[in-house]
Amino acid sequence: MNLWIVLTFSFILMQSFESTNRLSATHNGKLIKRELDQLTNTFKNSNYWKSKYQTDLRLYTAKIDDYADACTQPIFDCYCEEFEVVAEEISMTGEEDVAKDLRNTLANMRTYRPSKSDMTGSCKKCEEYEEKPFQEFLKSFESITQKMNT
């Protein structure tokens, strides 16, 4: 009888953890989306964007087809590294305040970094992804973060 109670309690506890992890992932997905929107808005309000320099900006971009649960963390890190490139590009044009805002928002977004990781090394390196224009980069990242958190 005691074994049955222990097993039942263990099962309920495991279900609770799984449910909490799903809620946490959904919550993190919403927070990442909010930070991504903030990054995009800051970037689009910069003189860099308005001057059309960004049309030549191409960034390594993972596609939704590249996404696999085991590669969640490396893909997320790649996007963050590419946002650092954007901040550096803006900084070089003299908009240090905008670059600082981008870096602060990026630091916030990194606090929601997925914990899944590829231990086998089967995920692509950032530089192995195709370079895409900034708009495609943003759309792909948004699609991937939605998939990460469903």
N, C-alpha and C. Protein backbone atom coordinates (compact mmCIF):
# COMPACT_ATOMS: atom_id res chain seq x y z
N MET A 1 0.82 -1.20 0.00
CA MET A 1 0.00 0.00 0.00
C MET A 1 0.86 1.26 0.00
N ASN A 2 1.90 1.29 0.85
CA ASN A 2 2.77 2.45 0.91
C ASN A 2 3.49 2.69 -0.41
N LEU A 3 3.87 1.62 -1.07
CA LEU A 3 4.54 1.75 -2.35
C LEU A 3 3.62 2.40 -3.37
N TRP A 4 2.37 2.03 -3.34
CA TRP A 4 1.39 2.61 -4.25
C TRP A 4 1.25 4.12 -4.01
N ILE A 5 1.22 4.53 -2.78
CA ILE A 5 1.11 5.96 -2.43
C ILE A 5 2.37 6.70 -2.90
N VAL A 6 3.53 6.14 -2.68
CA VAL A 6 4.78 6.76 -3.09
C VAL A 6 4.83 6.90 -4.61
N LEU A 7 4.44 5.84 -5.33
CA LEU A 7 4.44 5.89 -6.79
C LEU A 7 3.44 6.93 -7.30
N THR A 8 2.27 6.98 -6.72
CA THR A 8 1.25 7.95 -7.12
C THR A 8 1.76 9.37 -6.87
N PHE A 9 2.31 9.60 -5.70
CA PHE A 9 2.84 10.91 -5.35
C PHE A 9 3.98 11.30 -6.31
N SER A 10 4.85 10.36 -6.62
CA SER A 10 5.96 10.62 -7.54
C SER A 10 5.45 11.00 -8.92
N PHE A 11 4.42 10.28 -9.38
CA PHE A 11 3.83 10.57 -10.69
C PHE A 11 3.22 11.97 -10.71
N ILE A 12 2.49 12.33 -9.67
CA ILE A 12 1.87 13.65 -9.58
C ILE A 12 2.94 14.73 -9.54
N LEU A 13 3.99 14.49 -8.80
CA LEU A 13 5.09 15.45 -8.70
C LEU A 13 5.77 15.64 -10.06
N MET A 14 6.00 14.55 -10.78
CA MET A 14 6.62 14.65 -12.10
C MET A 14 5.73 15.41 -13.07
N GLN A 15 4.43 15.17 -13.02
CA GLN A 15 3.49 15.90 -13.87
C GLN A 15 3.51 17.39 -13.55
N SER A 16 3.62 17.70 -12.29
CA SER A 16 3.67 19.10 -11.85
C SER A 16 4.91 19.79 -12.41
N PHE A 17 6.07 19.12 -12.33
CA PHE A 17 7.31 19.69 -12.86
C PHE A 17 7.21 19.89 -14.37
N GLU A 18 6.64 18.90 -15.06
CA GLU A 18 6.50 19.00 -16.51
C GLU A 18 5.59 20.16 -16.88
N SER A 19 4.48 20.31 -16.17
CA SER A 19 3.55 21.40 -16.41
C SER A 19 4.22 22.74 -16.13
N THR A 20 4.99 22.84 -15.05
CA THR A 20 5.70 24.07 -14.70
C THR A 20 6.72 24.41 -15.78
N ASN A 21 7.44 23.41 -16.28
CA ASN A 21 8.43 23.65 -17.33
C ASN A 21 7.77 24.16 -18.60
N ARG A 22 6.60 23.59 -18.95
CA ARG A 22 5.87 24.06 -20.13
C ARG A 22 5.43 25.50 -19.95
N LEU A 23 4.90 25.83 -18.78
CA LEU A 23 4.48 27.20 -18.50
C LEU A 23 5.67 28.14 -18.53
N SER A 24 6.78 27.70 -17.96
CA SER A 24 7.99 28.52 -17.94
C SER A 24 8.48 28.78 -19.37
N ALA A 25 8.47 27.76 -20.21
CA ALA A 25 8.91 27.92 -21.60
C ALA A 25 7.99 28.88 -22.33
N THR A 26 6.68 28.77 -22.12
CA THR A 26 5.73 29.68 -22.75
C THR A 26 5.96 31.10 -22.26
N HIS A 27 6.15 31.26 -20.98
CA HIS A 27 6.41 32.58 -20.40
C HIS A 27 7.70 33.16 -20.96
N ASN A 28 8.76 32.34 -21.02
CA ASN A 28 10.03 32.80 -21.58
C ASN A 28 9.87 33.17 -23.04
N GLY A 29 9.08 32.41 -23.77
CA GLY A 29 8.83 32.73 -25.17
C GLY A 29 8.19 34.09 -25.33
N LYS A 30 7.26 34.42 -24.47
CA LYS A 30 6.61 35.74 -24.51
C LYS A 30 7.61 36.83 -24.16
N LEU A 31 8.47 36.56 -23.18
CA LEU A 31 9.47 37.55 -22.80
C LEU A 31 10.50 37.76 -23.91
N ILE A 32 10.92 36.67 -24.55
CA ILE A 32 11.85 36.79 -25.67
C ILE A 32 11.21 37.59 -26.79
N LYS A 33 9.94 37.32 -27.08
CA LYS A 33 9.21 38.06 -28.12
C LYS A 33 9.18 39.54 -27.78
N ARG A 34 8.92 39.87 -26.53
CA ARG A 34 8.88 41.27 -26.11
C ARG A 34 10.26 41.92 -26.32
N GLU A 35 11.31 41.23 -25.93
CA GLU A 35 12.67 41.77 -26.09
C GLU A 35 13.02 41.90 -27.58
N LEU A 36 12.61 40.92 -28.38
CA LEU A 36 12.85 40.97 -29.81
C LEU A 36 12.14 42.18 -30.43
N ASP A 37 10.91 42.42 -30.02
CA ASP A 37 10.19 43.61 -30.50
C ASP A 37 10.92 44.89 -30.10
N GLN A 38 11.44 44.91 -28.87
CA GLN A 38 12.18 46.08 -28.40
C GLN A 38 13.45 46.28 -29.23
N LEU A 39 14.18 45.20 -29.49
CA LEU A 39 15.38 45.29 -30.33
C LEU A 39 15.05 45.84 -31.71
N THR A 40 13.99 45.30 -32.29
CA THR A 40 13.58 45.71 -33.63
C THR A 40 13.19 47.19 -33.65
N ASN A 41 12.41 47.61 -32.68
CA ASN A 41 11.98 49.01 -32.63
C ASN A 41 13.16 49.95 -32.43
N THR A 42 14.07 49.60 -31.54
CA THR A 42 15.25 50.43 -31.32
C THR A 42 16.06 50.54 -32.59
N PHE A 43 16.26 49.41 -33.25
CA PHE A 43 17.03 49.39 -34.49
C PHE A 43 16.35 50.23 -35.57
N LYS A 44 15.06 50.06 -35.74
CA LYS A 44 14.34 50.77 -36.81
C LYS A 44 14.23 52.28 -36.54
N ASN A 45 14.39 52.69 -35.30
CA ASN A 45 14.37 54.13 -34.98
C ASN A 45 15.75 54.76 -35.06
N SER A 46 16.76 53.99 -35.37
CA SER A 46 18.12 54.51 -35.44
C SER A 46 18.36 55.22 -36.77
N ASN A 47 19.32 56.12 -36.78
CA ASN A 47 19.73 56.77 -38.03
C ASN A 47 20.31 55.74 -38.98
N TYR A 48 20.93 54.70 -38.44
CA TYR A 48 21.49 53.62 -39.26
C TYR A 48 20.40 53.04 -40.15
N TRP A 49 19.25 52.76 -39.55
CA TRP A 49 18.13 52.19 -40.30
C TRP A 49 17.60 53.21 -41.29
N LYS A 50 17.40 54.43 -40.83
CA LYS A 50 16.81 55.46 -41.68
C LYS A 50 17.72 55.83 -42.85
N SER A 51 19.01 55.67 -42.69
CA SER A 51 19.95 56.01 -43.76
C SER A 51 20.06 54.89 -44.80
N LYS A 52 19.40 53.78 -44.55
CA LYS A 52 19.38 52.64 -45.47
C LYS A 52 20.68 51.85 -45.50
N TYR A 53 21.60 52.11 -44.57
CA TYR A 53 22.81 51.29 -44.50
C TYR A 53 22.45 49.83 -44.25
N GLN A 54 21.35 49.62 -43.53
CA GLN A 54 20.98 48.26 -43.15
C GLN A 54 20.63 47.39 -44.34
N THR A 55 20.37 48.00 -45.49
CA THR A 55 20.02 47.18 -46.66
C THR A 55 21.18 46.29 -47.08
N ASP A 56 22.40 46.69 -46.75
CA ASP A 56 23.56 45.87 -47.06
C ASP A 56 23.91 44.90 -45.94
N LEU A 57 23.27 45.05 -44.80
CA LEU A 57 23.56 44.21 -43.64
C LEU A 57 23.00 42.81 -43.87
N ARG A 58 23.87 41.84 -43.79
CA ARG A 58 23.47 40.44 -43.94
C ARG A 58 23.99 39.69 -42.72
N LEU A 59 23.12 38.86 -42.16
CA LEU A 59 23.44 38.17 -40.91
C LEU A 59 23.22 36.67 -41.06
N TYR A 60 24.04 35.89 -40.36
CA TYR A 60 23.87 34.44 -40.37
C TYR A 60 22.49 34.13 -39.78
N THR A 61 21.72 33.37 -40.53
CA THR A 61 20.31 33.18 -40.17
C THR A 61 19.93 31.70 -40.23
N ALA A 62 19.62 31.15 -39.08
CA ALA A 62 19.07 29.79 -39.04
C ALA A 62 17.63 29.87 -39.51
N LYS A 63 17.22 28.86 -40.26
CA LYS A 63 15.84 28.80 -40.73
C LYS A 63 15.06 27.85 -39.83
N ILE A 64 13.77 27.92 -39.92
CA ILE A 64 12.91 27.04 -39.13
C ILE A 64 13.24 25.58 -39.45
N ASP A 65 13.67 25.29 -40.68
CA ASP A 65 14.05 23.93 -41.06
C ASP A 65 15.31 23.45 -40.33
N ASP A 66 16.13 24.40 -39.87
CA ASP A 66 17.36 24.06 -39.15
C ASP A 66 17.08 23.75 -37.69
N TYR A 67 15.90 24.10 -37.24
CA TYR A 67 15.57 23.96 -35.82
C TYR A 67 15.40 22.50 -35.43
N ALA A 68 16.02 22.15 -34.32
CA ALA A 68 15.83 20.85 -33.68
C ALA A 68 15.95 21.11 -32.18
N ASP A 69 15.19 20.39 -31.38
CA ASP A 69 15.22 20.64 -29.93
C ASP A 69 16.63 20.66 -29.37
N ALA A 70 17.47 19.75 -29.84
CA ALA A 70 18.83 19.66 -29.31
C ALA A 70 19.66 20.89 -29.68
N CYS A 71 19.25 21.61 -30.72
CA CYS A 71 20.03 22.77 -31.20
C CYS A 71 19.44 24.10 -30.73
N THR A 72 18.49 24.07 -29.85
CA THR A 72 17.83 25.29 -29.39
C THR A 72 18.84 26.32 -28.87
N GLN A 73 19.68 25.90 -27.98
CA GLN A 73 20.64 26.83 -27.36
C GLN A 73 21.65 27.38 -28.38
N PRO A 74 22.29 26.55 -29.19
CA PRO A 74 23.23 27.10 -30.17
C PRO A 74 22.57 28.06 -31.17
N ILE A 75 21.35 27.76 -31.59
CA ILE A 75 20.65 28.65 -32.52
C ILE A 75 20.34 29.98 -31.83
N PHE A 76 19.84 29.92 -30.62
CA PHE A 76 19.54 31.14 -29.86
C PHE A 76 20.81 31.97 -29.69
N ASP A 77 21.92 31.31 -29.34
CA ASP A 77 23.19 32.02 -29.17
C ASP A 77 23.66 32.66 -30.46
N CYS A 78 23.44 31.98 -31.58
CA CYS A 78 23.83 32.54 -32.88
C CYS A 78 23.06 33.84 -33.15
N TYR A 79 21.77 33.82 -32.92
CA TYR A 79 21.00 35.03 -33.13
C TYR A 79 21.49 36.16 -32.22
N CYS A 80 21.79 35.84 -30.99
CA CYS A 80 22.29 36.87 -30.07
C CYS A 80 23.63 37.43 -30.55
N GLU A 81 24.51 36.55 -31.03
CA GLU A 81 25.80 37.01 -31.55
C GLU A 81 25.59 37.94 -32.75
N GLU A 82 24.64 37.61 -33.59
CA GLU A 82 24.38 38.45 -34.76
C GLU A 82 23.78 39.80 -34.34
N PHE A 83 22.96 39.81 -33.29
CA PHE A 83 22.46 41.09 -32.78
C PHE A 83 23.61 41.94 -32.24
N GLU A 84 24.64 41.30 -31.71
CA GLU A 84 25.83 42.03 -31.27
C GLU A 84 26.49 42.71 -32.47
N VAL A 85 26.50 42.03 -33.62
CA VAL A 85 27.04 42.62 -34.85
C VAL A 85 26.25 43.87 -35.21
N VAL A 86 24.92 43.79 -35.11
CA VAL A 86 24.07 44.94 -35.40
C VAL A 86 24.42 46.10 -34.46
N ALA A 87 24.57 45.82 -33.18
CA ALA A 87 24.92 46.86 -32.21
C ALA A 87 26.27 47.48 -32.56
N GLU A 88 27.22 46.66 -32.97
CA GLU A 88 28.54 47.17 -33.36
C GLU A 88 28.45 48.04 -34.60
N GLU A 89 27.66 47.61 -35.58
CA GLU A 89 27.47 48.41 -36.80
C GLU A 89 26.91 49.78 -36.45
N ILE A 90 25.92 49.80 -35.58
CA ILE A 90 25.30 51.07 -35.19
C ILE A 90 26.29 51.92 -34.40
N SER A 91 27.05 51.30 -33.55
CA SER A 91 28.05 52.01 -32.75
C SER A 91 29.07 52.71 -33.66
N MET A 92 29.46 52.04 -34.73
CA MET A 92 30.46 52.60 -35.64
C MET A 92 29.93 53.82 -36.40
N THR A 93 28.60 53.99 -36.44
CA THR A 93 28.04 55.17 -37.10
C THR A 93 27.89 56.33 -36.13
N GLY A 94 28.30 56.14 -34.88
CA GLY A 94 28.25 57.22 -33.91
C GLY A 94 27.01 57.23 -33.02
N GLU A 95 26.15 56.26 -33.20
CA GLU A 95 24.93 56.20 -32.39
C GLU A 95 25.16 55.30 -31.17
N GLU A 96 26.06 55.71 -30.32
CA GLU A 96 26.44 54.89 -29.18
C GLU A 96 25.27 54.65 -28.22
N ASP A 97 24.38 55.65 -28.06
CA ASP A 97 23.21 55.46 -27.18
C ASP A 97 22.29 54.36 -27.71
N VAL A 98 22.08 54.36 -29.01
CA VAL A 98 21.23 53.32 -29.61
C VAL A 98 21.90 51.96 -29.46
N ALA A 99 23.21 51.91 -29.71
CA ALA A 99 23.95 50.64 -29.56
C ALA A 99 23.87 50.15 -28.12
N LYS A 100 23.97 51.06 -27.17
CA LYS A 100 23.88 50.70 -25.75
C LYS A 100 22.49 50.15 -25.43
N ASP A 101 21.46 50.79 -25.95
CA ASP A 101 20.09 50.30 -25.74
C ASP A 101 19.93 48.90 -26.32
N LEU A 102 20.48 48.69 -27.51
CA LEU A 102 20.41 47.36 -28.12
C LEU A 102 21.11 46.32 -27.25
N ARG A 103 22.28 46.66 -26.76
CA ARG A 103 23.04 45.72 -25.92
C ARG A 103 22.31 45.41 -24.61
N ASN A 104 21.68 46.43 -24.02
CA ASN A 104 20.92 46.21 -22.78
C ASN A 104 19.73 45.30 -23.02
N THR A 105 19.01 45.55 -24.10
CA THR A 105 17.86 44.70 -24.43
C THR A 105 18.32 43.29 -24.73
N LEU A 106 19.44 43.16 -25.42
CA LEU A 106 19.99 41.85 -25.73
C LEU A 106 20.39 41.11 -24.45
N ALA A 107 20.97 41.83 -23.50
CA ALA A 107 21.32 41.20 -22.22
C ALA A 107 20.07 40.70 -21.51
N ASN A 108 18.98 41.47 -21.56
CA ASN A 108 17.71 41.01 -20.98
C ASN A 108 17.22 39.75 -21.67
N MET A 109 17.30 39.75 -22.99
CA MET A 109 16.81 38.60 -23.75
C MET A 109 17.63 37.36 -23.41
N ARG A 110 18.91 37.52 -23.20
CA ARG A 110 19.76 36.37 -22.89
C ARG A 110 19.41 35.73 -21.55
N THR A 111 18.75 36.44 -20.66
CA THR A 111 18.36 35.84 -19.39
C THR A 111 17.30 34.77 -19.58
N TYR A 112 16.64 34.76 -20.74
CA TYR A 112 15.61 33.77 -21.04
C TYR A 112 16.15 32.69 -21.98
N ARG A 113 17.45 32.59 -22.05
CA ARG A 113 18.14 31.64 -22.93
C ARG A 113 17.64 30.22 -22.67
N PRO A 114 17.33 29.49 -23.74
CA PRO A 114 16.90 28.10 -23.56
C PRO A 114 18.01 27.28 -22.90
N SER A 115 17.60 26.30 -22.13
CA SER A 115 18.59 25.49 -21.43
C SER A 115 18.95 24.22 -22.18
N LYS A 116 18.19 23.88 -23.21
CA LYS A 116 18.51 22.67 -23.98
C LYS A 116 19.80 22.90 -24.74
N SER A 117 20.60 21.87 -24.82
CA SER A 117 21.89 22.02 -25.45
C SER A 117 22.28 20.76 -26.21
N ASP A 118 23.01 20.96 -27.30
CA ASP A 118 23.49 19.85 -28.11
C ASP A 118 24.82 19.38 -27.55
N MET A 119 24.83 18.22 -26.97
CA MET A 119 26.06 17.69 -26.38
C MET A 119 26.85 16.86 -27.39
N THR A 120 26.25 16.57 -28.55
CA THR A 120 26.92 15.72 -29.52
C THR A 120 27.68 16.51 -30.57
N GLY A 121 27.44 17.81 -30.65
CA GLY A 121 28.10 18.63 -31.66
C GLY A 121 27.48 18.50 -33.04
N SER A 122 26.24 18.03 -33.10
CA SER A 122 25.59 17.83 -34.40
C SER A 122 24.95 19.11 -34.93
N CYS A 123 24.91 20.16 -34.13
CA CYS A 123 24.32 21.42 -34.57
C CYS A 123 25.33 22.22 -35.38
N LYS A 124 24.79 23.01 -36.32
CA LYS A 124 25.66 23.85 -37.13
C LYS A 124 26.26 24.98 -36.29
N LYS A 125 27.41 25.41 -36.70
CA LYS A 125 28.02 26.61 -36.14
C LYS A 125 27.32 27.81 -36.78
N CYS A 126 27.34 28.92 -36.10
CA CYS A 126 26.65 30.11 -36.59
C CYS A 126 27.06 30.47 -38.02
N GLU A 127 28.34 30.40 -38.29
CA GLU A 127 28.86 30.79 -39.60
C GLU A 127 28.47 29.83 -40.72
N GLU A 128 27.89 28.70 -40.36
CA GLU A 128 27.46 27.74 -41.37
C GLU A 128 26.08 28.06 -41.93
N TYR A 129 25.35 28.95 -41.27
CA TYR A 129 24.04 29.35 -41.78
C TYR A 129 24.21 30.36 -42.90
N GLU A 130 23.23 30.41 -43.75
CA GLU A 130 23.27 31.35 -44.86
C GLU A 130 23.10 32.78 -44.35
N GLU A 131 23.78 33.71 -44.98
CA GLU A 131 23.61 35.11 -44.63
C GLU A 131 22.35 35.64 -45.31
N LYS A 132 21.52 36.29 -44.52
CA LYS A 132 20.25 36.81 -45.02
C LYS A 132 20.13 38.28 -44.64
N PRO A 133 19.29 39.03 -45.38
CA PRO A 133 19.03 40.43 -45.00
C PRO A 133 18.37 40.51 -43.63
N PHE A 134 18.51 41.65 -43.00
CA PHE A 134 18.04 41.84 -41.63
C PHE A 134 16.57 41.48 -41.46
N GLN A 135 15.71 41.87 -42.40
CA GLN A 135 14.27 41.58 -42.27
C GLN A 135 14.01 40.07 -42.22
N GLU A 136 14.69 39.31 -43.06
CA GLU A 136 14.54 37.85 -43.04
C GLU A 136 15.11 37.27 -41.75
N PHE A 137 16.21 37.82 -41.29
CA PHE A 137 16.82 37.42 -40.02
C PHE A 137 15.80 37.55 -38.89
N LEU A 138 15.12 38.70 -38.83
CA LEU A 138 14.12 38.93 -37.78
C LEU A 138 12.96 37.95 -37.88
N LYS A 139 12.44 37.75 -39.08
CA LYS A 139 11.31 36.84 -39.27
C LYS A 139 11.68 35.41 -38.87
N SER A 140 12.88 34.98 -39.25
CA SER A 140 13.32 33.62 -38.90
C SER A 140 13.47 33.47 -37.40
N PHE A 141 14.07 34.47 -36.75
CA PHE A 141 14.26 34.38 -35.31
C PHE A 141 12.92 34.33 -34.59
N GLU A 142 11.99 35.14 -35.03
CA GLU A 142 10.66 35.12 -34.41
C GLU A 142 9.99 33.76 -34.59
N SER A 143 10.08 33.18 -35.78
CA SER A 143 9.49 31.86 -36.03
C SER A 143 10.14 30.80 -35.15
N ILE A 144 11.45 30.86 -35.04
CA ILE A 144 12.17 29.85 -34.24
C ILE A 144 11.85 30.00 -32.76
N THR A 145 11.77 31.23 -32.25
CA THR A 145 11.45 31.39 -30.82
C THR A 145 10.03 30.92 -30.54
N GLN A 146 9.11 31.11 -31.49
CA GLN A 146 7.75 30.58 -31.31
C GLN A 146 7.78 29.07 -31.24
N LYS A 147 8.55 28.45 -32.11
CA LYS A 147 8.63 26.99 -32.12
C LYS A 147 9.32 26.46 -30.88
N MET A 148 10.34 27.19 -30.38
CA MET A 148 11.05 26.78 -29.17
C MET A 148 10.10 26.69 -27.98
N ASN A 149 9.07 27.51 -28.01
CA ASN A 149 8.23 27.64 -26.82
C ASN A 149 6.81 27.13 -27.02
N THR A 150 6.67 26.14 -27.92
CA THR A 150 5.35 25.53 -28.09
C THR A 150 5.36 24.13 -27.57
